[in-house]
Structure formats: structure tokens, C-alpha cells
Amino acid sequence: DGHKAEDQAEGTNVAAYSDRGWCATESCWASLTKAGYISLDLGKMRRRRQYDSNSLVTDCKQDGGRRPPLHPSAFAKELEKKSFTNGKDDKP
């Protein structure tokens, strides 16, 4: 994403976006209430491309639409694989 991990302040979560705990949590929560066509992955945007609403949806919609909700125990298991800033006070 253009920011080098070694240039970040100590304690900064430098994991990839998809590996960050709160990013994954918020994405799962949003998919519970949003239609698949408006749940967008903006990381799929292409450089130097001008977007309108239709092309943005075409390029950035989640693959295959939204996932079904995870059972709470499966969700907890997924979160164990994710990186949180301190892992104690900031987990959902």
C-alpha cells in the first residue's frame, strides 16, 4: 500500500489489510446487513482509472457476493488467525 512496515511507529499494526482483526471483523459485520453489490473491496481499484459508480461496483464488488454469516465459534477461530494491535484490549 506504499507504506513500509519499518517506517511505521512502534506498535502500529503493519499486517496486510485482510489480515487485520478489526478490518476482518467490520467486513463480516457489514456483510450481514449490506447487499452484495454495495459491499465493495476498494483494494481492487486500479491505479490511474477514473471511476463512476457503475465501474466502481464492477471492479470492486466482493467475489461471488457476500459470504454467509459465520457461526460464532467459527468467527472466533477466524479471528485467532488475525493480527490486532495489542491482542488484549482491542479484540471484539
C-alpha atoms as a PDB file:
ATOM      1  CA  ASP A   1       0.000   0.000   0.000  1.00  0.00           C
ATOM      2  CA  GLY A   2       3.019   2.285  -0.302  1.00  0.00           C
ATOM      3  CA  HIS A   3       3.886   2.405   3.411  1.00  0.00           C
ATOM      4  CA  LYS A   4       6.870   0.391   4.559  1.00  0.00           C
ATOM      5  CA  ALA A   5       6.449  -1.514   7.821  1.00  0.00           C
ATOM      6  CA  GLU A   6       9.836  -0.359   9.092  1.00  0.00           C
ATOM      7  CA  ASP A   7       8.784   3.299   8.672  1.00  0.00           C
ATOM      8  CA  GLN A   8       5.753   2.965  10.952  1.00  0.00           C
ATOM      9  CA  ALA A   9       5.601   3.971  14.598  1.00  0.00           C
ATOM     10  CA  GLU A  10       6.229   1.263  17.169  1.00  0.00           C
ATOM     11  CA  GLY A  11       3.022  -0.632  17.968  1.00  0.00           C
ATOM     12  CA  THR A  12       1.445   0.042  14.572  1.00  0.00           C
ATOM     13  CA  ASN A  13      -0.402  -2.933  13.110  1.00  0.00           C
ATOM     14  CA  VAL A  14       1.544  -3.490   9.882  1.00  0.00           C
ATOM     15  CA  ALA A  15      -0.308  -6.648   8.820  1.00  0.00           C
ATOM     16  CA  ALA A  16      -1.941  -6.711   5.398  1.00  0.00           C
ATOM     17  CA  TYR A  17      -5.436  -5.227   5.419  1.00  0.00           C
ATOM     18  CA  SER A  18      -7.125  -8.629   5.067  1.00  0.00           C
ATOM     19  CA  ASP A  19      -5.068  -9.992   7.980  1.00  0.00           C
ATOM     20  CA  ARG A  20      -6.028  -7.228  10.425  1.00  0.00           C
ATOM     21  CA  GLY A  21      -8.511  -8.223  13.078  1.00  0.00           C
ATOM     22  CA  TRP A  22     -10.754  -5.172  13.122  1.00  0.00           C
ATOM     23  CA  CYS A  23     -10.815  -4.889   9.327  1.00  0.00           C
ATOM     24  CA  ALA A  24     -11.965  -8.503   9.064  1.00  0.00           C
ATOM     25  CA  THR A  25     -14.494  -8.015  11.882  1.00  0.00           C
ATOM     26  CA  GLU A  26     -16.034  -4.913  10.322  1.00  0.00           C
ATOM     27  CA  SER A  27     -16.175  -6.579   6.915  1.00  0.00           C
ATOM     28  CA  CYS A  28     -18.052  -9.553   8.390  1.00  0.00           C
ATOM     29  CA  TRP A  29     -20.451  -7.312  10.275  1.00  0.00           C
ATOM     30  CA  ALA A  30     -21.114  -5.153   7.205  1.00  0.00           C
ATOM     31  CA  SER A  31     -21.885  -8.217   5.103  1.00  0.00           C
ATOM     32  CA  LEU A  32     -24.714  -9.097   7.494  1.00  0.00           C
ATOM     33  CA  THR A  33     -26.709  -6.034   6.517  1.00  0.00           C
ATOM     34  CA  LYS A  34     -25.472  -4.848   3.123  1.00  0.00           C
ATOM     35  CA  ALA A  35     -26.437  -6.252  -0.235  1.00  0.00           C
ATOM     36  CA  GLY A  36     -23.510  -7.893  -2.023  1.00  0.00           C
ATOM     37  CA  TYR A  37     -23.413  -5.275  -4.771  1.00  0.00           C
ATOM     38  CA  ILE A  38     -22.725  -2.487  -2.269  1.00  0.00           C
ATOM     39  CA  SER A  39     -20.178  -4.387  -0.187  1.00  0.00           C
ATOM     40  CA  LEU A  40     -17.096  -3.271  -2.083  1.00  0.00           C
ATOM     41  CA  ASP A  41     -13.409  -4.126  -1.785  1.00  0.00           C
ATOM     42  CA  LEU A  42     -11.772  -0.798  -2.617  1.00  0.00           C
ATOM     43  CA  GLY A  43      -8.386  -2.520  -2.654  1.00  0.00           C
ATOM     44  CA  LYS A  44      -9.384  -3.781  -6.102  1.00  0.00           C
ATOM     45  CA  MET A  45      -9.407  -0.259  -7.549  1.00  0.00           C
ATOM     46  CA  ARG A  46      -6.933   0.175 -10.388  1.00  0.00           C
ATOM     47  CA  ARG A  47      -4.413   2.997 -10.480  1.00  0.00           C
ATOM     48  CA  ARG A  48      -4.938   5.779 -12.970  1.00  0.00           C
ATOM     49  CA  ARG A  49      -8.507   4.749 -13.702  1.00  0.00           C
ATOM     50  CA  GLN A  50     -11.358   7.215 -13.494  1.00  0.00           C
ATOM     51  CA  TYR A  51     -14.376   5.639 -11.786  1.00  0.00           C
ATOM     52  CA  ASP A  52     -18.074   6.288 -11.919  1.00  0.00           C
ATOM     53  CA  SER A  53     -20.481   4.378  -9.691  1.00  0.00           C
ATOM     54  CA  ASN A  54     -21.049   1.573 -12.228  1.00  0.00           C
ATOM     55  CA  SER A  55     -17.376   0.930 -12.971  1.00  0.00           C
ATOM     56  CA  LEU A  56     -16.534   1.090  -9.262  1.00  0.00           C
ATOM     57  CA  VAL A  57     -19.092  -1.617  -8.487  1.00  0.00           C
ATOM     58  CA  THR A  58     -17.920  -3.718 -11.455  1.00  0.00           C
ATOM     59  CA  ASP A  59     -14.263  -3.623 -10.403  1.00  0.00           C
ATOM     60  CA  CYS A  60     -14.670  -3.756  -6.636  1.00  0.00           C
ATOM     61  CA  LYS A  61     -17.636  -5.937  -5.734  1.00  0.00           C
ATOM     62  CA  GLN A  62     -16.806  -8.854  -3.486  1.00  0.00           C
ATOM     63  CA  ASP A  63     -16.076 -12.065  -5.398  1.00  0.00           C
ATOM     64  CA  GLY A  64     -19.265 -14.077  -5.573  1.00  0.00           C
ATOM     65  CA  GLY A  65     -21.176 -11.552  -3.483  1.00  0.00           C
ATOM     66  CA  ARG A  66     -21.210 -11.687   0.265  1.00  0.00           C
ATOM     67  CA  ARG A  67     -20.336 -14.678   2.406  1.00  0.00           C
ATOM     68  CA  PRO A  68     -22.960 -16.252   4.630  1.00  0.00           C
ATOM     69  CA  PRO A  69     -22.598 -15.363   8.312  1.00  0.00           C
ATOM     70  CA  LEU A  70     -20.155 -17.457  10.297  1.00  0.00           C
ATOM     71  CA  HIS A  71     -21.227 -19.366  13.376  1.00  0.00           C
ATOM     72  CA  PRO A  72     -19.826 -17.523  16.439  1.00  0.00           C
ATOM     73  CA  SER A  73     -17.309 -20.286  17.171  1.00  0.00           C
ATOM     74  CA  ALA A  74     -16.096 -20.257  13.537  1.00  0.00           C
ATOM     75  CA  PHE A  75     -15.868 -16.455  13.666  1.00  0.00           C
ATOM     76  CA  ALA A  76     -13.768 -16.651  16.846  1.00  0.00           C
ATOM     77  CA  LYS A  77     -11.496 -19.226  15.161  1.00  0.00           C
ATOM     78  CA  GLU A  78     -11.012 -16.908  12.173  1.00  0.00           C
ATOM     79  CA  LEU A  79     -10.124 -14.008  14.479  1.00  0.00           C
ATOM     80  CA  GLU A  80      -7.391 -16.087  16.107  1.00  0.00           C
ATOM     81  CA  LYS A  81      -5.584 -16.004  12.735  1.00  0.00           C
ATOM     82  CA  LYS A  82      -5.800 -12.205  12.522  1.00  0.00           C
ATOM     83  CA  SER A  83      -3.472  -9.528  13.833  1.00  0.00           C
ATOM     84  CA  PHE A  84      -4.655  -6.988  16.408  1.00  0.00           C
ATOM     85  CA  THR A  85      -2.659  -4.003  17.643  1.00  0.00           C
ATOM     86  CA  ASN A  86      -2.159  -5.393  21.134  1.00  0.00           C
ATOM     87  CA  GLY A  87      -4.337  -8.500  21.158  1.00  0.00           C
ATOM     88  CA  LYS A  88      -5.712  -7.957  24.660  1.00  0.00           C
ATOM     89  CA  ASP A  89      -7.854  -4.851  24.873  1.00  0.00           C
ATOM     90  CA  ASP A  90      -8.823  -4.430  21.244  1.00  0.00           C
ATOM     91  CA  LYS A  91     -10.486  -7.721  20.284  1.00  0.00           C
ATOM     92  CA  PRO A  92     -14.247  -7.700  19.663  1.00  0.00           C
END
